[in-house]
Amino acid sequence: MTEVSTKVSMDPVTLTQGAVEAIKSIRASQDISDAYYLRIGVKGGGCSGFSYEIGFDEVQEGDSIYDIQGIKVLMHKTHALHLFGIEIDWQEGLSNRGFSFNNPNAKSTCGCGSSFST
């Protein structure tokens, strides 16, 4: 019997089309070099325990690099536990403008959606 091995590659983060367009627009309008990738992470703080980080940064030790819809994304390996499966969207409305996070790992979130607990 022959054993077949299949490598399944899954991006840890989903970017909606609105998020992709916003990221590309921000990069172009601020003339951000291709040496900087989009960093998605978490940090302690916020009203629920952790808050999201998103911005452009250089590759650092411990980072994993992903190509998600043509955008180079950095995520520190220790953050994957909190972020795996998250969907990032861009909201454009009267009361809310910016990135929104739909995190299946969050047990609770604050009212504004910028912090969470696991």
PDB file of N, CA and C in Angstrom:
ATOM      1  N   MET A   1       0.841  -1.174   0.000  1.00  0.00           N
ATOM      2  CA  MET A   1       0.000   0.000   0.000  1.00  0.00           C
ATOM      3  C   MET A   1       0.889   1.239   0.000  1.00  0.00           C
ATOM      4  N   THR A   2       0.569   2.196  -0.839  1.00  0.00           N
ATOM      5  CA  THR A   2       1.319   3.433  -0.937  1.00  0.00           C
ATOM      6  C   THR A   2       0.667   4.496  -0.077  1.00  0.00           C
ATOM      7  N   GLU A   3       1.482   5.173   0.711  1.00  0.00           N
ATOM      8  CA  GLU A   3       0.967   6.243   1.565  1.00  0.00           C
ATOM      9  C   GLU A   3       1.054   7.560   0.802  1.00  0.00           C
ATOM     10  N   VAL A   4      -0.014   8.308   0.818  1.00  0.00           N
ATOM     11  CA  VAL A   4      -0.067   9.596   0.137  1.00  0.00           C
ATOM     12  C   VAL A   4      -0.108  10.684   1.191  1.00  0.00           C
ATOM     13  N   SER A   5       0.762  11.644   1.045  1.00  0.00           N
ATOM     14  CA  SER A   5       0.810  12.764   1.977  1.00  0.00           C
ATOM     15  C   SER A   5       0.402  14.023   1.235  1.00  0.00           C
ATOM     16  N   THR A   6      -0.514  14.751   1.813  1.00  0.00           N
ATOM     17  CA  THR A   6      -0.967  16.004   1.211  1.00  0.00           C
ATOM     18  C   THR A   6      -0.707  17.134   2.189  1.00  0.00           C
ATOM     19  N   LYS A   7      -0.056  18.167   1.721  1.00  0.00           N
ATOM     20  CA  LYS A   7       0.195  19.333   2.549  1.00  0.00           C
ATOM     21  C   LYS A   7      -0.962  20.301   2.351  1.00  0.00           C
ATOM     22  N   VAL A   8      -1.618  20.628   3.446  1.00  0.00           N
ATOM     23  CA  VAL A   8      -2.722  21.578   3.394  1.00  0.00           C
ATOM     24  C   VAL A   8      -2.203  22.904   3.918  1.00  0.00           C
ATOM     25  N   SER A   9      -2.329  23.926   3.123  1.00  0.00           N
ATOM     26  CA  SER A   9      -1.885  25.250   3.535  1.00  0.00           C
ATOM     27  C   SER A   9      -3.108  26.133   3.711  1.00  0.00           C
ATOM     28  N   MET A  10      -3.233  26.705   4.892  1.00  0.00           N
ATOM     29  CA  MET A  10      -4.375  27.552   5.177  1.00  0.00           C
ATOM     30  C   MET A  10      -3.870  28.879   5.730  1.00  0.00           C
ATOM     31  N   ASP A  11      -4.330  29.947   5.141  1.00  0.00           N
ATOM     32  CA  ASP A  11      -3.960  31.251   5.668  1.00  0.00           C
ATOM     33  C   ASP A  11      -4.606  31.426   7.036  1.00  0.00           C
ATOM     34  N   PRO A  12      -3.866  31.950   7.992  1.00  0.00           N
ATOM     35  CA  PRO A  12      -4.414  32.102   9.338  1.00  0.00           C
ATOM     36  C   PRO A  12      -5.427  33.236   9.442  1.00  0.00           C
ATOM     37  N   VAL A  13      -5.417  34.118   8.460  1.00  0.00           N
ATOM     38  CA  VAL A  13      -6.247  35.323   8.487  1.00  0.00           C
ATOM     39  C   VAL A  13      -6.972  35.453   7.157  1.00  0.00           C
ATOM     40  N   THR A  14      -8.219  35.896   7.206  1.00  0.00           N
ATOM     41  CA  THR A  14      -8.965  36.205   5.993  1.00  0.00           C
ATOM     42  C   THR A  14      -9.110  37.716   5.895  1.00  0.00           C
ATOM     43  N   LEU A  15      -8.775  38.254   4.745  1.00  0.00           N
ATOM     44  CA  LEU A  15      -8.977  39.676   4.463  1.00  0.00           C
ATOM     45  C   LEU A  15     -10.121  39.790   3.469  1.00  0.00           C
ATOM     46  N   THR A  16     -11.142  40.558   3.820  1.00  0.00           N
ATOM     47  CA  THR A  16     -12.238  40.775   2.882  1.00  0.00           C
ATOM     48  C   THR A  16     -11.754  41.673   1.749  1.00  0.00           C
ATOM     49  N   GLN A  17     -12.529  41.732   0.683  1.00  0.00           N
ATOM     50  CA  GLN A  17     -12.160  42.595  -0.442  1.00  0.00           C
ATOM     51  C   GLN A  17     -12.056  44.052   0.000  1.00  0.00           C
ATOM     52  N   GLY A  18     -12.950  44.464   0.890  1.00  0.00           N
ATOM     53  CA  GLY A  18     -12.891  45.842   1.405  1.00  0.00           C
ATOM     54  C   GLY A  18     -11.605  46.107   2.165  1.00  0.00           C
ATOM     55  N   ALA A  19     -11.150  45.131   2.962  1.00  0.00           N
ATOM     56  CA  ALA A  19      -9.898  45.276   3.710  1.00  0.00           C
ATOM     57  C   ALA A  19      -8.707  45.330   2.761  1.00  0.00           C
ATOM     58  N   VAL A  20      -8.705  44.475   1.735  1.00  0.00           N
ATOM     59  CA  VAL A  20      -7.614  44.457   0.754  1.00  0.00           C
ATOM     60  C   VAL A  20      -7.516  45.812   0.063  1.00  0.00           C
ATOM     61  N   GLU A  21      -8.637  46.343  -0.365  1.00  0.00           N
ATOM     62  CA  GLU A  21      -8.637  47.652  -1.038  1.00  0.00           C
ATOM     63  C   GLU A  21      -8.151  48.754  -0.105  1.00  0.00           C
ATOM     64  N   ALA A  22      -8.591  48.734   1.156  1.00  0.00           N
ATOM     65  CA  ALA A  22      -8.172  49.750   2.126  1.00  0.00           C
ATOM     66  C   ALA A  22      -6.672  49.659   2.393  1.00  0.00           C
ATOM     67  N   ILE A  23      -6.149  48.454   2.545  1.00  0.00           N
ATOM     68  CA  ILE A  23      -4.716  48.259   2.800  1.00  0.00           C
ATOM     69  C   ILE A  23      -3.896  48.783   1.626  1.00  0.00           C
ATOM     70  N   LYS A  24      -4.306  48.457   0.422  1.00  0.00           N
ATOM     71  CA  LYS A  24      -3.589  48.938  -0.764  1.00  0.00           C
ATOM     72  C   LYS A  24      -3.666  50.456  -0.873  1.00  0.00           C
ATOM     73  N   SER A  25      -4.816  51.019  -0.550  1.00  0.00           N
ATOM     74  CA  SER A  25      -4.989  52.469  -0.596  1.00  0.00           C
ATOM     75  C   SER A  25      -4.111  53.170   0.442  1.00  0.00           C
ATOM     76  N   ILE A  26      -4.077  52.628   1.645  1.00  0.00           N
ATOM     77  CA  ILE A  26      -3.240  53.207   2.707  1.00  0.00           C
ATOM     78  C   ILE A  26      -1.769  53.138   2.307  1.00  0.00           C
ATOM     79  N   ARG A  27      -1.346  51.984   1.782  1.00  0.00           N
ATOM     80  CA  ARG A  27       0.052  51.831   1.357  1.00  0.00           C
ATOM     81  C   ARG A  27       0.415  52.874   0.292  1.00  0.00           C
ATOM     82  N   ALA A  28      -0.468  53.056  -0.693  1.00  0.00           N
ATOM     83  CA  ALA A  28      -0.195  53.992  -1.785  1.00  0.00           C
ATOM     84  C   ALA A  28      -0.226  55.442  -1.304  1.00  0.00           C
ATOM     85  N   SER A  29      -1.225  55.797  -0.494  1.00  0.00           N
ATOM     86  CA  SER A  29      -1.373  57.192  -0.069  1.00  0.00           C
ATOM     87  C   SER A  29      -0.264  57.627   0.890  1.00  0.00           C
ATOM     88  N   GLN A  30       0.310  56.684   1.626  1.00  0.00           N
ATOM     89  CA  GLN A  30       1.379  57.016   2.568  1.00  0.00           C
ATOM     90  C   GLN A  30       2.755  56.651   2.018  1.00  0.00           C
ATOM     91  N   ASP A  31       2.794  56.209   0.753  1.00  0.00           N
ATOM     92  CA  ASP A  31       4.040  55.870   0.062  1.00  0.00           C
ATOM     93  C   ASP A  31       4.899  54.920   0.909  1.00  0.00           C
ATOM     94  N   ILE A  32       4.290  53.819   1.358  1.00  0.00           N
ATOM     95  CA  ILE A  32       4.960  52.841   2.205  1.00  0.00           C
ATOM     96  C   ILE A  32       5.753  51.878   1.327  1.00  0.00           C
ATOM     97  N   SER A  33       7.010  51.727   1.638  1.00  0.00           N
ATOM     98  CA  SER A  33       7.935  50.880   0.875  1.00  0.00           C
ATOM     99  C   SER A  33       7.495  49.421   0.900  1.00  0.00           C
ATOM    100  N   ASP A  34       7.855  48.700  -0.170  1.00  0.00           N
ATOM    101  CA  ASP A  34       7.577  47.266  -0.237  1.00  0.00           C
ATOM    102  C   ASP A  34       8.378  46.476   0.797  1.00  0.00           C
ATOM    103  N   ALA A  35       9.371  47.112   1.428  1.00  0.00           N
ATOM    104  CA  ALA A  35      10.152  46.450   2.486  1.00  0.00           C
ATOM    105  C   ALA A  35       9.313  46.262   3.751  1.00  0.00           C
ATOM    106  N   TYR A  36       8.188  46.965   3.825  1.00  0.00           N
ATOM    107  CA  TYR A  36       7.290  46.861   4.975  1.00  0.00           C
ATOM    108  C   TYR A  36       6.089  45.998   4.610  1.00  0.00           C
ATOM    109  N   TYR A  37       5.790  45.043   5.464  1.00  0.00           N
ATOM    110  CA  TYR A  37       4.664  44.145   5.271  1.00  0.00           C
ATOM    111  C   TYR A  37       3.567  44.531   6.253  1.00  0.00           C
ATOM    112  N   LEU A  38       2.376  44.031   6.008  1.00  0.00           N
ATOM    113  CA  LEU A  38       1.270  44.277   6.923  1.00  0.00           C
ATOM    114  C   LEU A  38       1.424  43.367   8.138  1.00  0.00           C
ATOM    115  N   ARG A  39       1.535  43.964   9.315  1.00  0.00           N
ATOM    116  CA  ARG A  39       1.634  43.185  10.556  1.00  0.00           C
ATOM    117  C   ARG A  39       0.267  43.124  11.216  1.00  0.00           C
ATOM    118  N   ILE A  40      -0.134  41.903  11.564  1.00  0.00           N
ATOM    119  CA  ILE A  40      -1.367  41.680  12.313  1.00  0.00           C
ATOM    120  C   ILE A  40      -0.960  41.003  13.609  1.00  0.00           C
ATOM    121  N   GLY A  41      -1.389  41.573  14.733  1.00  0.00           N
ATOM    122  CA  GLY A  41      -0.992  41.017  16.016  1.00  0.00           C
ATOM    123  C   GLY A  41      -1.945  41.396  17.123  1.00  0.00           C
ATOM    124  N   VAL A  42      -1.547  41.037  18.321  1.00  0.00           N
ATOM    125  CA  VAL A  42      -2.304  41.385  19.520  1.00  0.00           C
ATOM    126  C   VAL A  42      -1.335  41.929  20.555  1.00  0.00           C
ATOM    127  N   LYS A  43      -1.875  42.683  21.492  1.00  0.00           N
ATOM    128  CA  LYS A  43      -1.086  43.127  22.632  1.00  0.00           C
ATOM    129  C   LYS A  43      -2.012  43.142  23.843  1.00  0.00           C
ATOM    130  N   GLY A  44      -1.425  43.013  25.001  1.00  0.00           N
ATOM    131  CA  GLY A  44      -2.202  43.075  26.221  1.00  0.00           C
ATOM    132  C   GLY A  44      -2.761  44.461  26.417  1.00  0.00           C
ATOM    133  N   GLY A  45      -3.995  44.538  26.864  1.00  0.00           N
ATOM    134  CA  GLY A  45      -4.608  45.836  27.106  1.00  0.00           C
ATOM    135  C   GLY A  45      -6.010  45.901  26.541  1.00  0.00           C
ATOM    136  N   GLY A  46      -6.592  47.045  26.612  1.00  0.00           N
ATOM    137  CA  GLY A  46      -7.970  47.203  26.175  1.00  0.00           C
ATOM    138  C   GLY A  46      -8.913  46.782  27.284  1.00  0.00           C
ATOM    139  N   CYS A  47     -10.161  47.031  27.113  1.00  0.00           N
ATOM    140  CA  CYS A  47     -11.123  46.750  28.185  1.00  0.00           C
ATOM    141  C   CYS A  47     -11.455  45.274  28.322  1.00  0.00           C
ATOM    142  N   SER A  48     -11.051  44.426  27.345  1.00  0.00           N
ATOM    143  CA  SER A  48     -11.366  42.997  27.438  1.00  0.00           C
ATOM    144  C   SER A  48     -10.137  42.111  27.624  1.00  0.00           C
ATOM    145  N   GLY A  49      -8.933  42.661  27.661  1.00  0.00           N
ATOM    146  CA  GLY A  49      -7.736  41.861  27.898  1.00  0.00           C
ATOM    147  C   GLY A  49      -6.686  41.944  26.819  1.00  0.00           C
ATOM    148  N   PHE A  50      -7.097  41.829  25.556  1.00  0.00           N
ATOM    149  CA  PHE A  50      -6.176  41.951  24.423  1.00  0.00           C
ATOM    150  C   PHE A  50      -6.749  42.961  23.449  1.00  0.00           C
ATOM    151  N   SER A  51      -5.864  43.663  22.753  1.00  0.00           N
ATOM    152  CA  SER A  51      -6.325  44.538  21.679  1.00  0.00           C
ATOM    153  C   SER A  51      -5.578  44.165  20.399  1.00  0.00           C
ATOM    154  N   TYR A  52      -6.207  44.436  19.287  1.00  0.00           N
ATOM    155  CA  TYR A  52      -5.648  44.104  17.977  1.00  0.00           C
ATOM    156  C   TYR A  52      -4.624  45.147  17.563  1.00  0.00           C
ATOM    157  N   GLU A  53      -3.613  44.691  16.836  1.00  0.00           N
ATOM    158  CA  GLU A  53      -2.633  45.572  16.219  1.00  0.00           C
ATOM    159  C   GLU A  53      -2.638  45.300  14.723  1.00  0.00           C
ATOM    160  N   ILE A  54      -2.635  46.361  13.948  1.00  0.00           N
ATOM    161  CA  ILE A  54      -2.546  46.222  12.497  1.00  0.00           C
ATOM    162  C   ILE A  54      -1.794  47.439  11.984  1.00  0.00           C
ATOM    163  N   GLY A  55      -0.798  47.202  11.164  1.00  0.00           N
ATOM    164  CA  GLY A  55       0.008  48.289  10.631  1.00  0.00           C
ATOM    165  C   GLY A  55       1.132  47.718   9.786  1.00  0.00           C
ATOM    166  N   PHE A  56       1.971  48.572   9.250  1.00  0.00           N
ATOM    167  CA  PHE A  56       3.065  48.148   8.400  1.00  0.00           C
ATOM    168  C   PHE A  56       4.352  48.081   9.209  1.00  0.00           C
ATOM    169  N   ASP A  57       5.150  47.031   8.960  1.00  0.00           N
ATOM    170  CA  ASP A  57       6.345  46.804   9.752  1.00  0.00           C
ATOM    171  C   ASP A  57       7.339  45.972   8.939  1.00  0.00           C
ATOM    172  N   GLU A  58       8.581  45.946   9.408  1.00  0.00           N
ATOM    173  CA  GLU A  58       9.603  45.094   8.816  1.00  0.00           C
ATOM    174  C   GLU A  58       9.558  43.719   9.476  1.00  0.00           C
ATOM    175  N   VAL A  59      10.103  42.735   8.787  1.00  0.00           N
ATOM    176  CA  VAL A  59      10.157  41.369   9.305  1.00  0.00           C
ATOM    177  C   VAL A  59      11.037  41.347  10.549  1.00  0.00           C
ATOM    178  N   GLN A  60      10.559  40.654  11.587  1.00  0.00           N
ATOM    179  CA  GLN A  60      11.288  40.527  12.843  1.00  0.00           C
ATOM    180  C   GLN A  60      11.468  39.046  13.170  1.00  0.00           C
ATOM    181  N   GLU A  61      12.384  38.758  14.064  1.00  0.00           N
ATOM    182  CA  GLU A  61      12.609  37.377  14.480  1.00  0.00           C
ATOM    183  C   GLU A  61      11.328  36.809  15.085  1.00  0.00           C
ATOM    184  N   GLY A  62      10.991  35.585  14.704  1.00  0.00           N
ATOM    185  CA  GLY A  62       9.789  34.932  15.220  1.00  0.00           C
ATOM    186  C   GLY A  62       8.555  35.163  14.375  1.00  0.00           C
ATOM    187  N   ASP A  63       8.693  35.933  13.286  1.00  0.00           N
ATOM    188  CA  ASP A  63       7.553  36.205  12.411  1.00  0.00           C
ATOM    189  C   ASP A  63       7.320  35.064  11.431  1.00  0.00           C
ATOM    190  N   SER A  64       6.063  34.835  11.139  1.00  0.00           N
ATOM    191  CA  SER A  64       5.668  34.008  10.006  1.00  0.00           C
ATOM    192  C   SER A  64       5.192  34.966   8.926  1.00  0.00           C
ATOM    193  N   ILE A  65       5.474  34.646   7.671  1.00  0.00           N
ATOM    194  CA  ILE A  65       5.101  35.505   6.557  1.00  0.00           C
ATOM    195  C   ILE A  65       4.103  34.755   5.680  1.00  0.00           C
ATOM    196  N   TYR A  66       3.014  35.432   5.343  1.00  0.00           N
ATOM    197  CA  TYR A  66       1.967  34.847   4.502  1.00  0.00           C
ATOM    198  C   TYR A  66       1.697  35.786   3.340  1.00  0.00           C
ATOM    199  N   ASP A  67       1.276  35.231   2.233  1.00  0.00           N
ATOM    200  CA  ASP A  67       0.812  36.020   1.097  1.00  0.00           C
ATOM    201  C   ASP A  67      -0.688  35.807   1.025  1.00  0.00           C
ATOM    202  N   ILE A  68      -1.435  36.819   1.426  1.00  0.00           N
ATOM    203  CA  ILE A  68      -2.889  36.733   1.471  1.00  0.00           C
ATOM    204  C   ILE A  68      -3.453  37.724   0.462  1.00  0.00           C
ATOM    205  N   GLN A  69      -3.992  37.201  -0.600  1.00  0.00           N
ATOM    206  CA  GLN A  69      -4.571  38.001  -1.679  1.00  0.00           C
ATOM    207  C   GLN A  69      -3.593  39.050  -2.198  1.00  0.00           C
ATOM    208  N   GLY A  70      -2.319  38.663  -2.326  1.00  0.00           N
ATOM    209  CA  GLY A  70      -1.311  39.560  -2.861  1.00  0.00           C
ATOM    210  C   GLY A  70      -0.724  40.513  -1.845  1.00  0.00           C
ATOM    211  N   ILE A  71      -1.114  40.400  -0.597  1.00  0.00           N
ATOM    212  CA  ILE A  71      -0.587  41.260   0.460  1.00  0.00           C
ATOM    213  C   ILE A  71       0.318  40.415   1.354  1.00  0.00           C
ATOM    214  N   LYS A  72       1.548  40.861   1.530  1.00  0.00           N
ATOM    215  CA  LYS A  72       2.476  40.170   2.422  1.00  0.00           C
ATOM    216  C   LYS A  72       2.099  40.508   3.861  1.00  0.00           C
ATOM    217  N   VAL A  73       1.772  39.466   4.626  1.00  0.00           N
ATOM    218  CA  VAL A  73       1.294  39.630   5.996  1.00  0.00           C
ATOM    219  C   VAL A  73       2.280  39.002   6.957  1.00  0.00           C
ATOM    220  N   LEU A  74       2.612  39.743   8.022  1.00  0.00           N
ATOM    221  CA  LEU A  74       3.465  39.256   9.098  1.00  0.00           C
ATOM    222  C   LEU A  74       2.612  38.946  10.312  1.00  0.00           C
ATOM    223  N   MET A  75       2.947  37.851  10.974  1.00  0.00           N
ATOM    224  CA  MET A  75       2.311  37.539  12.250  1.00  0.00           C
ATOM    225  C   MET A  75       3.349  36.832  13.105  1.00  0.00           C
ATOM    226  N   HIS A  76       3.565  37.341  14.312  1.00  0.00           N
ATOM    227  CA  HIS A  76       4.480  36.648  15.213  1.00  0.00           C
ATOM    228  C   HIS A  76       3.859  35.317  15.589  1.00  0.00           C
ATOM    229  N   LYS A  77       4.679  34.290  15.639  1.00  0.00           N
ATOM    230  CA  LYS A  77       4.188  32.933  15.870  1.00  0.00           C
ATOM    231  C   LYS A  77       3.361  32.816  17.148  1.00  0.00           C
ATOM    232  N   THR A  78       3.696  33.576  18.172  1.00  0.00           N
ATOM    233  CA  THR A  78       2.954  33.483  19.434  1.00  0.00           C
ATOM    234  C   THR A  78       1.559  34.104  19.351  1.00  0.00           C
ATOM    235  N   HIS A  79       1.300  34.914  18.341  1.00  0.00           N
ATOM    236  CA  HIS A  79      -0.002  35.564  18.198  1.00  0.00           C
ATOM    237  C   HIS A  79      -1.013  34.684  17.475  1.00  0.00           C
ATOM    238  N   ALA A  80      -0.521  33.658  16.779  1.00  0.00           N
ATOM    239  CA  ALA A  80      -1.407  32.799  15.986  1.00  0.00           C
ATOM    240  C   ALA A  80      -2.495  32.153  16.834  1.00  0.00           C
ATOM    241  N   LEU A  81      -2.188  31.823  18.062  1.00  0.00           N
ATOM    242  CA  LEU A  81      -3.165  31.213  18.962  1.00  0.00           C
ATOM    243  C   LEU A  81      -4.408  32.094  19.115  1.00  0.00           C
ATOM    244  N   HIS A  82      -4.203  33.398  19.160  1.00  0.00           N
ATOM    245  CA  HIS A  82      -5.300  34.335  19.357  1.00  0.00           C
ATOM    246  C   HIS A  82      -5.964  34.770  18.055  1.00  0.00           C
ATOM    247  N   LEU A  83      -5.251  34.611  16.942  1.00  0.00           N
ATOM    248  CA  LEU A  83      -5.726  35.198  15.684  1.00  0.00           C
ATOM    249  C   LEU A  83      -6.108  34.198  14.598  1.00  0.00           C
ATOM    250  N   PHE A  84      -5.784  32.930  14.761  1.00  0.00           N
ATOM    251  CA  PHE A  84      -6.055  31.970  13.698  1.00  0.00           C
ATOM    252  C   PHE A  84      -7.554  31.921  13.390  1.00  0.00           C
ATOM    253  N   GLY A  85      -7.898  32.123  12.137  1.00  0.00           N
ATOM    254  CA  GLY A  85      -9.290  32.093  11.698  1.00  0.00           C
ATOM    255  C   GLY A  85      -9.979  33.445  11.683  1.00  0.00           C
ATOM    256  N   ILE A  86      -9.290  34.493  12.086  1.00  0.00           N
ATOM    257  CA  ILE A  86      -9.895  35.826  12.155  1.00  0.00           C
ATOM    258  C   ILE A  86     -10.186  36.362  10.746  1.00  0.00           C
ATOM    259  N   GLU A  87     -11.278  37.092  10.634  1.00  0.00           N
ATOM    260  CA  GLU A  87     -11.612  37.794   9.393  1.00  0.00           C
ATOM    261  C   GLU A  87     -11.490  39.286   9.670  1.00  0.00           C
ATOM    262  N   ILE A  88     -10.740  39.970   8.806  1.00  0.00           N
ATOM    263  CA  ILE A  88     -10.556  41.417   8.936  1.00  0.00           C
ATOM    264  C   ILE A  88     -11.286  42.082   7.785  1.00  0.00           C
ATOM    265  N   ASP A  89     -12.100  43.047   8.122  1.00  0.00           N
ATOM    266  CA  ASP A  89     -12.910  43.771   7.139  1.00  0.00           C
ATOM    267  C   ASP A  89     -12.642  45.261   7.299  1.00  0.00           C
ATOM    268  N   TRP A  90     -13.055  46.031   6.321  1.00  0.00           N
ATOM    269  CA  TRP A  90     -12.978  47.491   6.378  1.00  0.00           C
ATOM    270  C   TRP A  90     -14.393  48.026   6.419  1.00  0.00           C
ATOM    271  N   GLN A  91     -14.688  48.848   7.399  1.00  0.00           N
ATOM    272  CA  GLN A  91     -16.010  49.457   7.543  1.00  0.00           C
ATOM    273  C   GLN A  91     -15.932  50.929   7.165  1.00  0.00           C
ATOM    274  N   GLU A  92     -16.902  51.365   6.424  1.00  0.00           N
ATOM    275  CA  GLU A  92     -16.966  52.762   5.995  1.00  0.00           C
ATOM    276  C   GLU A  92     -18.390  53.232   6.238  1.00  0.00           C
ATOM    277  N   GLY A  93     -18.612  53.898   7.355  1.00  0.00           N
ATOM    278  CA  GLY A  93     -19.960  54.331   7.679  1.00  0.00           C
ATOM    279  C   GLY A  93     -19.958  55.640   8.448  1.00  0.00           C
ATOM    280  N   LEU A  94     -21.138  56.096   8.776  1.00  0.00           N
ATOM    281  CA  LEU A  94     -21.261  57.357   9.502  1.00  0.00           C
ATOM    282  C   LEU A  94     -20.706  57.264  10.919  1.00  0.00           C
ATOM    283  N   SER A  95     -20.938  56.152  11.585  1.00  0.00           N
ATOM    284  CA  SER A  95     -20.496  56.039  12.972  1.00  0.00           C
ATOM    285  C   SER A  95     -19.224  55.210  13.135  1.00  0.00           C
ATOM    286  N   ASN A  96     -18.762  54.564  12.075  1.00  0.00           N
ATOM    287  CA  ASN A  96     -17.596  53.705  12.206  1.00  0.00           C
ATOM    288  C   ASN A  96     -16.827  53.671  10.901  1.00  0.00           C
ATOM    289  N   ARG A  97     -15.542  53.974  10.967  1.00  0.00           N
ATOM    290  CA  ARG A  97     -14.674  53.905   9.806  1.00  0.00           C
ATOM    291  C   ARG A  97     -13.364  53.271  10.251  1.00  0.00           C
ATOM    292  N   GLY A  98     -13.016  52.146   9.657  1.00  0.00           N
ATOM    293  CA  GLY A  98     -11.764  51.487  10.002  1.00  0.00           C
ATOM    294  C   GLY A  98     -11.896  49.983   9.890  1.00  0.00           C
ATOM    295  N   PHE A  99     -10.879  49.309  10.377  1.00  0.00           N
ATOM    296  CA  PHE A  99     -10.858  47.856  10.314  1.00  0.00           C
ATOM    297  C   PHE A  99     -11.740  47.271  11.405  1.00  0.00           C
ATOM    298  N   SER A 100     -12.428  46.192  11.059  1.00  0.00           N
ATOM    299  CA  SER A 100     -13.213  45.452  12.050  1.00  0.00           C
ATOM    300  C   SER A 100     -12.698  44.017  12.062  1.00  0.00           C
ATOM    301  N   PHE A 101     -12.831  43.369  13.204  1.00  0.00           N
ATOM    302  CA  PHE A 101     -12.252  42.049  13.419  1.00  0.00           C
ATOM    303  C   PHE A 101     -13.339  41.077  13.853  1.00  0.00           C
ATOM    304  N   ASN A 102     -13.475  39.999  13.092  1.00  0.00           N
ATOM    305  CA  ASN A 102     -14.400  38.926  13.446  1.00  0.00           C
ATOM    306  C   ASN A 102     -13.529  37.742  13.859  1.00  0.00           C
ATOM    307  N   ASN A 103     -13.376  37.566  15.181  1.00  0.00           N
ATOM    308  CA  ASN A 103     -12.429  36.601  15.712  1.00  0.00           C
ATOM    309  C   ASN A 103     -13.161  35.424  16.347  1.00  0.00           C
ATOM    310  N   PRO A 104     -13.086  34.229  15.732  1.00  0.00           N
ATOM    311  CA  PRO A 104     -13.773  33.067  16.292  1.00  0.00           C
ATOM    312  C   PRO A 104     -13.166  32.587  17.609  1.00  0.00           C
ATOM    313  N   ASN A 105     -11.973  33.053  17.954  1.00  0.00           N
ATOM    314  CA  ASN A 105     -11.303  32.646  19.188  1.00  0.00           C
ATOM    315  C   ASN A 105     -11.690  33.505  20.384  1.00  0.00           C
ATOM    316  N   ALA A 106     -12.358  34.620  20.124  1.00  0.00           N
ATOM    317  CA  ALA A 106     -12.710  35.543  21.203  1.00  0.00           C
ATOM    318  C   ALA A 106     -13.925  35.023  21.968  1.00  0.00           C
ATOM    319  N   LYS A 107     -13.768  34.919  23.277  1.00  0.00           N
ATOM    320  CA  LYS A 107     -14.903  34.524  24.118  1.00  0.00           C
ATOM    321  C   LYS A 107     -15.783  35.724  24.429  1.00  0.00           C
ATOM    322  N   SER A 108     -15.166  36.895  24.469  1.00  0.00           N
ATOM    323  CA  SER A 108     -15.930  38.127  24.658  1.00  0.00           C
ATOM    324  C   SER A 108     -15.176  39.269  23.995  1.00  0.00           C
ATOM    325  N   THR A 109     -15.917  40.293  23.605  1.00  0.00           N
ATOM    326  CA  THR A 109     -15.318  41.477  22.998  1.00  0.00           C
ATOM    327  C   THR A 109     -15.897  42.708  23.665  1.00  0.00           C
ATOM    328  N   CYS A 110     -15.184  43.818  23.546  1.00  0.00           N
ATOM    329  CA  CYS A 110     -15.705  45.061  24.091  1.00  0.00           C
ATOM    330  C   CYS A 110     -16.736  45.634  23.120  1.00  0.00           C
ATOM    331  N   GLY A 111     -17.424  46.652  23.537  1.00  0.00           N
ATOM    332  CA  GLY A 111     -18.491  47.243  22.713  1.00  0.00           C
ATOM    333  C   GLY A 111     -17.994  47.784  21.385  1.00  0.00           C
ATOM    334  N   CYS A 112     -16.786  48.314  21.350  1.00  0.00           N
ATOM    335  CA  CYS A 112     -16.279  48.884  20.105  1.00  0.00           C
ATOM    336  C   CYS A 112     -15.615  47.836  19.211  1.00  0.00           C
ATOM    337  N   GLY A 113     -15.372  46.627  19.739  1.00  0.00           N
ATOM    338  CA  GLY A 113     -14.796  45.553  18.935  1.00  0.00           C
ATOM    339  C   GLY A 113     -13.298  45.609  18.754  1.00  0.00           C
ATOM    340  N   SER A 114     -12.623  46.514  19.466  1.00  0.00           N
ATOM    341  CA  SER A 114     -11.172  46.622  19.294  1.00  0.00           C
ATOM    342  C   SER A 114     -10.387  45.815  20.319  1.00  0.00           C
ATOM    343  N   SER A 115     -11.059  45.219  21.296  1.00  0.00           N
ATOM    344  CA  SER A 115     -10.367  44.355  22.243  1.00  0.00           C
ATOM    345  C   SER A 115     -11.213  43.122  22.526  1.00  0.00           C
ATOM    346  N   PHE A 116     -10.552  42.084  23.053  1.00  0.00           N
ATOM    347  CA  PHE A 116     -11.241  40.797  23.232  1.00  0.00           C
ATOM    348  C   PHE A 116     -10.551  40.005  24.335  1.00  0.00           C
ATOM    349  N   SER A 117     -11.191  38.943  24.769  1.00  0.00           N
ATOM    350  CA  SER A 117     -10.588  37.991  25.696  1.00  0.00           C
ATOM    351  C   SER A 117     -10.766  36.588  25.135  1.00  0.00           C
ATOM    352  N   THR A 118      -9.845  35.690  25.523  1.00  0.00           N
ATOM    353  CA  THR A 118      -9.919  34.307  25.055  1.00  0.00           C
ATOM    354  C   THR A 118     -10.099  33.355  26.213  1.00  0.00           C
TER     355      THR A 118
END
